[in-house]
Amino acid sequence: MNAETKIKKKLLNNLGIKSVSVINNSYLHQKHRQSPKNGNSHFKIIIKDTDFNKISKIESHKKIYSCLSGEMKDYIHALEIEITNS
């Protein structure tokens, strides 16, 4: 299972959200000096869920980072988060 699928599955199973997309943007950061250059370091997640969008940005980010704490320690270097209503 690739990193994107693993992250998506974990978010769906643990946060009760209805829809999430995970985009691997690691290739955009390969030349950055501090990039781990492992191909699985920079991700964008797009959550489409009306209920999740109702909580504050800080609370939603806390939930996401808590859910992905293991991945953050292991391989995620940067995480971009977008939350929409639909």
N, C-alpha and C. Protein backbone atom coordinates (compact mmCIF):
# COMPACT_ATOMS: atom_id res chain seq x y z
N MET A 1 0.86 -1.18 0.00
CA MET A 1 0.00 0.00 0.00
C MET A 1 0.90 1.24 0.00
N ASN A 2 0.64 2.17 -0.92
CA ASN A 2 1.47 3.38 -0.98
C ASN A 2 1.09 4.35 0.14
N ALA A 3 1.92 5.34 0.33
CA ALA A 3 1.74 6.29 1.44
C ALA A 3 0.43 7.05 1.33
N GLU A 4 0.04 7.46 0.12
CA GLU A 4 -1.19 8.21 -0.05
C GLU A 4 -2.41 7.40 0.39
N THR A 5 -2.45 6.14 -0.01
CA THR A 5 -3.56 5.26 0.36
C THR A 5 -3.58 5.02 1.86
N LYS A 6 -2.42 4.82 2.44
CA LYS A 6 -2.31 4.59 3.88
C LYS A 6 -2.83 5.80 4.67
N ILE A 7 -2.43 6.99 4.26
CA ILE A 7 -2.87 8.21 4.93
C ILE A 7 -4.37 8.39 4.78
N LYS A 8 -4.88 8.20 3.57
CA LYS A 8 -6.31 8.35 3.29
C LYS A 8 -7.13 7.39 4.14
N LYS A 9 -6.73 6.15 4.15
CA LYS A 9 -7.44 5.12 4.91
C LYS A 9 -7.47 5.45 6.40
N LYS A 10 -6.35 5.90 6.92
CA LYS A 10 -6.26 6.22 8.34
C LYS A 10 -7.17 7.39 8.70
N LEU A 11 -7.18 8.43 7.88
CA LEU A 11 -8.04 9.59 8.14
C LEU A 11 -9.52 9.22 8.06
N LEU A 12 -9.90 8.46 7.05
CA LEU A 12 -11.30 8.04 6.90
C LEU A 12 -11.75 7.17 8.06
N ASN A 13 -10.91 6.24 8.47
CA ASN A 13 -11.28 5.30 9.53
C ASN A 13 -11.31 5.92 10.92
N ASN A 14 -10.50 6.95 11.15
CA ASN A 14 -10.36 7.49 12.51
C ASN A 14 -11.04 8.82 12.77
N LEU A 15 -11.34 9.57 11.72
CA LEU A 15 -11.92 10.91 11.94
C LEU A 15 -13.39 11.01 11.58
N GLY A 16 -13.96 9.96 11.01
CA GLY A 16 -15.37 9.99 10.66
C GLY A 16 -15.71 10.97 9.55
N ILE A 17 -14.73 11.29 8.73
CA ILE A 17 -14.99 12.21 7.61
C ILE A 17 -15.54 11.43 6.43
N LYS A 18 -16.19 12.13 5.54
CA LYS A 18 -16.85 11.47 4.42
C LYS A 18 -15.97 11.34 3.18
N SER A 19 -15.11 12.31 2.95
CA SER A 19 -14.29 12.29 1.74
C SER A 19 -12.95 12.97 1.99
N VAL A 20 -11.89 12.31 1.53
CA VAL A 20 -10.55 12.90 1.64
C VAL A 20 -9.73 12.49 0.42
N SER A 21 -8.97 13.44 -0.08
CA SER A 21 -8.01 13.18 -1.15
C SER A 21 -6.63 13.43 -0.59
N VAL A 22 -5.68 12.61 -1.00
CA VAL A 22 -4.30 12.78 -0.55
C VAL A 22 -3.42 12.89 -1.79
N ILE A 23 -2.67 13.97 -1.86
CA ILE A 23 -1.80 14.23 -3.02
C ILE A 23 -0.36 14.24 -2.53
N ASN A 24 0.47 13.46 -3.20
CA ASN A 24 1.89 13.42 -2.86
C ASN A 24 2.61 14.50 -3.65
N ASN A 25 3.06 15.54 -2.96
CA ASN A 25 3.78 16.65 -3.60
C ASN A 25 5.28 16.59 -3.35
N SER A 26 5.78 15.46 -2.97
CA SER A 26 7.20 15.32 -2.63
C SER A 26 8.11 15.72 -3.78
N TYR A 27 7.70 15.41 -5.00
CA TYR A 27 8.53 15.73 -6.17
C TYR A 27 8.78 17.23 -6.30
N LEU A 28 7.89 18.05 -5.76
CA LEU A 28 8.07 19.50 -5.83
C LEU A 28 9.15 20.01 -4.89
N HIS A 29 9.57 19.16 -3.96
CA HIS A 29 10.50 19.58 -2.91
C HIS A 29 11.81 18.81 -2.94
N GLN A 30 12.03 17.99 -3.94
CA GLN A 30 13.23 17.15 -4.04
C GLN A 30 14.53 17.96 -3.97
N LYS A 31 14.53 19.17 -4.52
CA LYS A 31 15.76 19.95 -4.57
C LYS A 31 15.97 20.83 -3.34
N HIS A 32 15.00 20.84 -2.44
CA HIS A 32 15.16 21.62 -1.21
C HIS A 32 16.22 20.94 -0.33
N ARG A 33 17.04 21.74 0.27
CA ARG A 33 18.16 21.22 1.04
C ARG A 33 17.72 20.31 2.20
N GLN A 34 16.64 20.67 2.87
CA GLN A 34 16.22 19.90 4.04
C GLN A 34 15.22 18.80 3.71
N SER A 35 14.88 18.63 2.44
CA SER A 35 13.95 17.56 2.05
C SER A 35 14.61 16.21 2.28
N PRO A 36 13.88 15.25 2.84
CA PRO A 36 14.43 13.92 3.05
C PRO A 36 14.69 13.16 1.75
N LYS A 37 14.12 13.64 0.64
CA LYS A 37 14.31 13.05 -0.69
C LYS A 37 13.95 11.56 -0.73
N ASN A 38 12.89 11.21 -0.02
CA ASN A 38 12.47 9.81 0.01
C ASN A 38 11.23 9.55 -0.85
N GLY A 39 10.69 10.59 -1.49
CA GLY A 39 9.52 10.43 -2.34
C GLY A 39 8.21 10.38 -1.58
N ASN A 40 8.26 10.36 -0.27
CA ASN A 40 7.07 10.32 0.57
C ASN A 40 7.23 11.28 1.74
N SER A 41 7.38 12.56 1.44
CA SER A 41 7.68 13.50 2.51
C SER A 41 6.72 14.69 2.58
N HIS A 42 6.16 15.08 1.45
CA HIS A 42 5.30 16.27 1.39
C HIS A 42 3.93 15.87 0.82
N PHE A 43 2.89 16.12 1.60
CA PHE A 43 1.55 15.71 1.19
C PHE A 43 0.55 16.85 1.34
N LYS A 44 -0.45 16.84 0.50
CA LYS A 44 -1.59 17.75 0.63
C LYS A 44 -2.81 16.87 0.84
N ILE A 45 -3.60 17.19 1.87
CA ILE A 45 -4.84 16.47 2.07
C ILE A 45 -6.00 17.45 1.88
N ILE A 46 -7.00 16.99 1.18
CA ILE A 46 -8.20 17.80 0.95
C ILE A 46 -9.37 17.04 1.54
N ILE A 47 -9.96 17.60 2.59
CA ILE A 47 -11.08 16.96 3.27
C ILE A 47 -12.35 17.67 2.84
N LYS A 48 -13.32 16.88 2.35
CA LYS A 48 -14.62 17.43 1.96
C LYS A 48 -15.66 16.85 2.91
N ASP A 49 -16.03 17.66 3.89
CA ASP A 49 -16.98 17.19 4.89
C ASP A 49 -17.59 18.39 5.60
N THR A 50 -18.89 18.51 5.53
CA THR A 50 -19.60 19.64 6.12
C THR A 50 -19.42 19.70 7.63
N ASP A 51 -19.55 18.56 8.30
CA ASP A 51 -19.43 18.53 9.77
C ASP A 51 -18.01 18.86 10.23
N PHE A 52 -17.02 18.31 9.56
CA PHE A 52 -15.64 18.57 9.94
C PHE A 52 -15.27 20.03 9.70
N ASN A 53 -15.89 20.63 8.73
CA ASN A 53 -15.64 22.04 8.40
C ASN A 53 -16.22 22.98 9.47
N LYS A 54 -17.14 22.48 10.29
CA LYS A 54 -17.77 23.31 11.32
C LYS A 54 -16.88 23.53 12.54
N ILE A 55 -15.91 22.66 12.76
CA ILE A 55 -15.03 22.85 13.91
C ILE A 55 -13.93 23.85 13.52
N SER A 56 -13.31 24.44 14.51
CA SER A 56 -12.29 25.46 14.23
C SER A 56 -11.11 24.85 13.48
N LYS A 57 -10.41 25.72 12.79
CA LYS A 57 -9.25 25.29 12.01
C LYS A 57 -8.20 24.65 12.94
N ILE A 58 -8.00 25.25 14.10
CA ILE A 58 -7.02 24.72 15.05
C ILE A 58 -7.42 23.32 15.51
N GLU A 59 -8.70 23.14 15.86
CA GLU A 59 -9.17 21.83 16.32
C GLU A 59 -9.08 20.78 15.21
N SER A 60 -9.45 21.15 14.00
CA SER A 60 -9.39 20.19 12.89
C SER A 60 -7.94 19.78 12.63
N HIS A 61 -7.02 20.73 12.67
CA HIS A 61 -5.61 20.41 12.45
C HIS A 61 -5.06 19.54 13.57
N LYS A 62 -5.47 19.80 14.79
CA LYS A 62 -5.04 18.97 15.92
C LYS A 62 -5.49 17.52 15.72
N LYS A 63 -6.73 17.35 15.29
CA LYS A 63 -7.25 16.00 15.06
C LYS A 63 -6.48 15.28 13.97
N ILE A 64 -6.19 16.00 12.90
CA ILE A 64 -5.46 15.41 11.78
C ILE A 64 -4.04 15.04 12.20
N TYR A 65 -3.35 15.96 12.85
CA TYR A 65 -1.98 15.69 13.28
C TYR A 65 -1.93 14.57 14.32
N SER A 66 -2.91 14.50 15.18
CA SER A 66 -2.96 13.42 16.16
C SER A 66 -3.17 12.08 15.46
N CYS A 67 -4.07 12.06 14.51
CA CYS A 67 -4.36 10.84 13.75
C CYS A 67 -3.12 10.35 12.99
N LEU A 68 -2.35 11.28 12.47
CA LEU A 68 -1.19 10.93 11.65
C LEU A 68 0.13 11.06 12.41
N SER A 69 0.08 11.00 13.73
CA SER A 69 1.30 11.21 14.53
C SER A 69 2.42 10.22 14.19
N GLY A 70 2.07 8.99 13.99
CA GLY A 70 3.08 7.98 13.63
C GLY A 70 3.72 8.28 12.29
N GLU A 71 2.92 8.65 11.31
CA GLU A 71 3.42 8.98 9.99
C GLU A 71 4.28 10.24 10.02
N MET A 72 3.88 11.20 10.89
CA MET A 72 4.65 12.44 11.03
C MET A 72 6.05 12.13 11.58
N LYS A 73 6.14 11.17 12.46
CA LYS A 73 7.44 10.79 13.01
C LYS A 73 8.26 9.99 12.01
N ASP A 74 7.57 9.15 11.22
CA ASP A 74 8.26 8.23 10.32
C ASP A 74 8.69 8.85 8.99
N TYR A 75 7.76 9.52 8.30
CA TYR A 75 8.13 9.96 6.95
C TYR A 75 7.53 11.27 6.48
N ILE A 76 6.46 11.75 7.07
CA ILE A 76 5.87 13.01 6.60
C ILE A 76 6.70 14.18 7.12
N HIS A 77 7.22 14.97 6.21
CA HIS A 77 8.02 16.14 6.54
C HIS A 77 7.16 17.40 6.54
N ALA A 78 6.17 17.44 5.63
CA ALA A 78 5.29 18.62 5.51
C ALA A 78 3.89 18.16 5.11
N LEU A 79 2.90 18.84 5.67
CA LEU A 79 1.51 18.49 5.42
C LEU A 79 0.71 19.76 5.16
N GLU A 80 0.10 19.83 4.00
CA GLU A 80 -0.78 20.94 3.64
C GLU A 80 -2.22 20.45 3.81
N ILE A 81 -3.04 21.23 4.49
CA ILE A 81 -4.40 20.79 4.79
C ILE A 81 -5.41 21.77 4.23
N GLU A 82 -6.39 21.24 3.50
CA GLU A 82 -7.49 22.04 2.97
C GLU A 82 -8.79 21.36 3.38
N ILE A 83 -9.71 22.12 3.95
CA ILE A 83 -11.00 21.57 4.37
C ILE A 83 -12.11 22.38 3.72
N THR A 84 -13.00 21.68 3.03
CA THR A 84 -14.10 22.34 2.33
C THR A 84 -15.44 21.75 2.77
N ASN A 85 -16.52 22.44 2.39
CA ASN A 85 -17.88 22.01 2.75
C ASN A 85 -18.39 20.85 1.92
N SER A 86 -18.02 20.79 0.67
CA SER A 86 -18.65 19.77 -0.18
C SER A 86 -17.68 18.79 -0.76
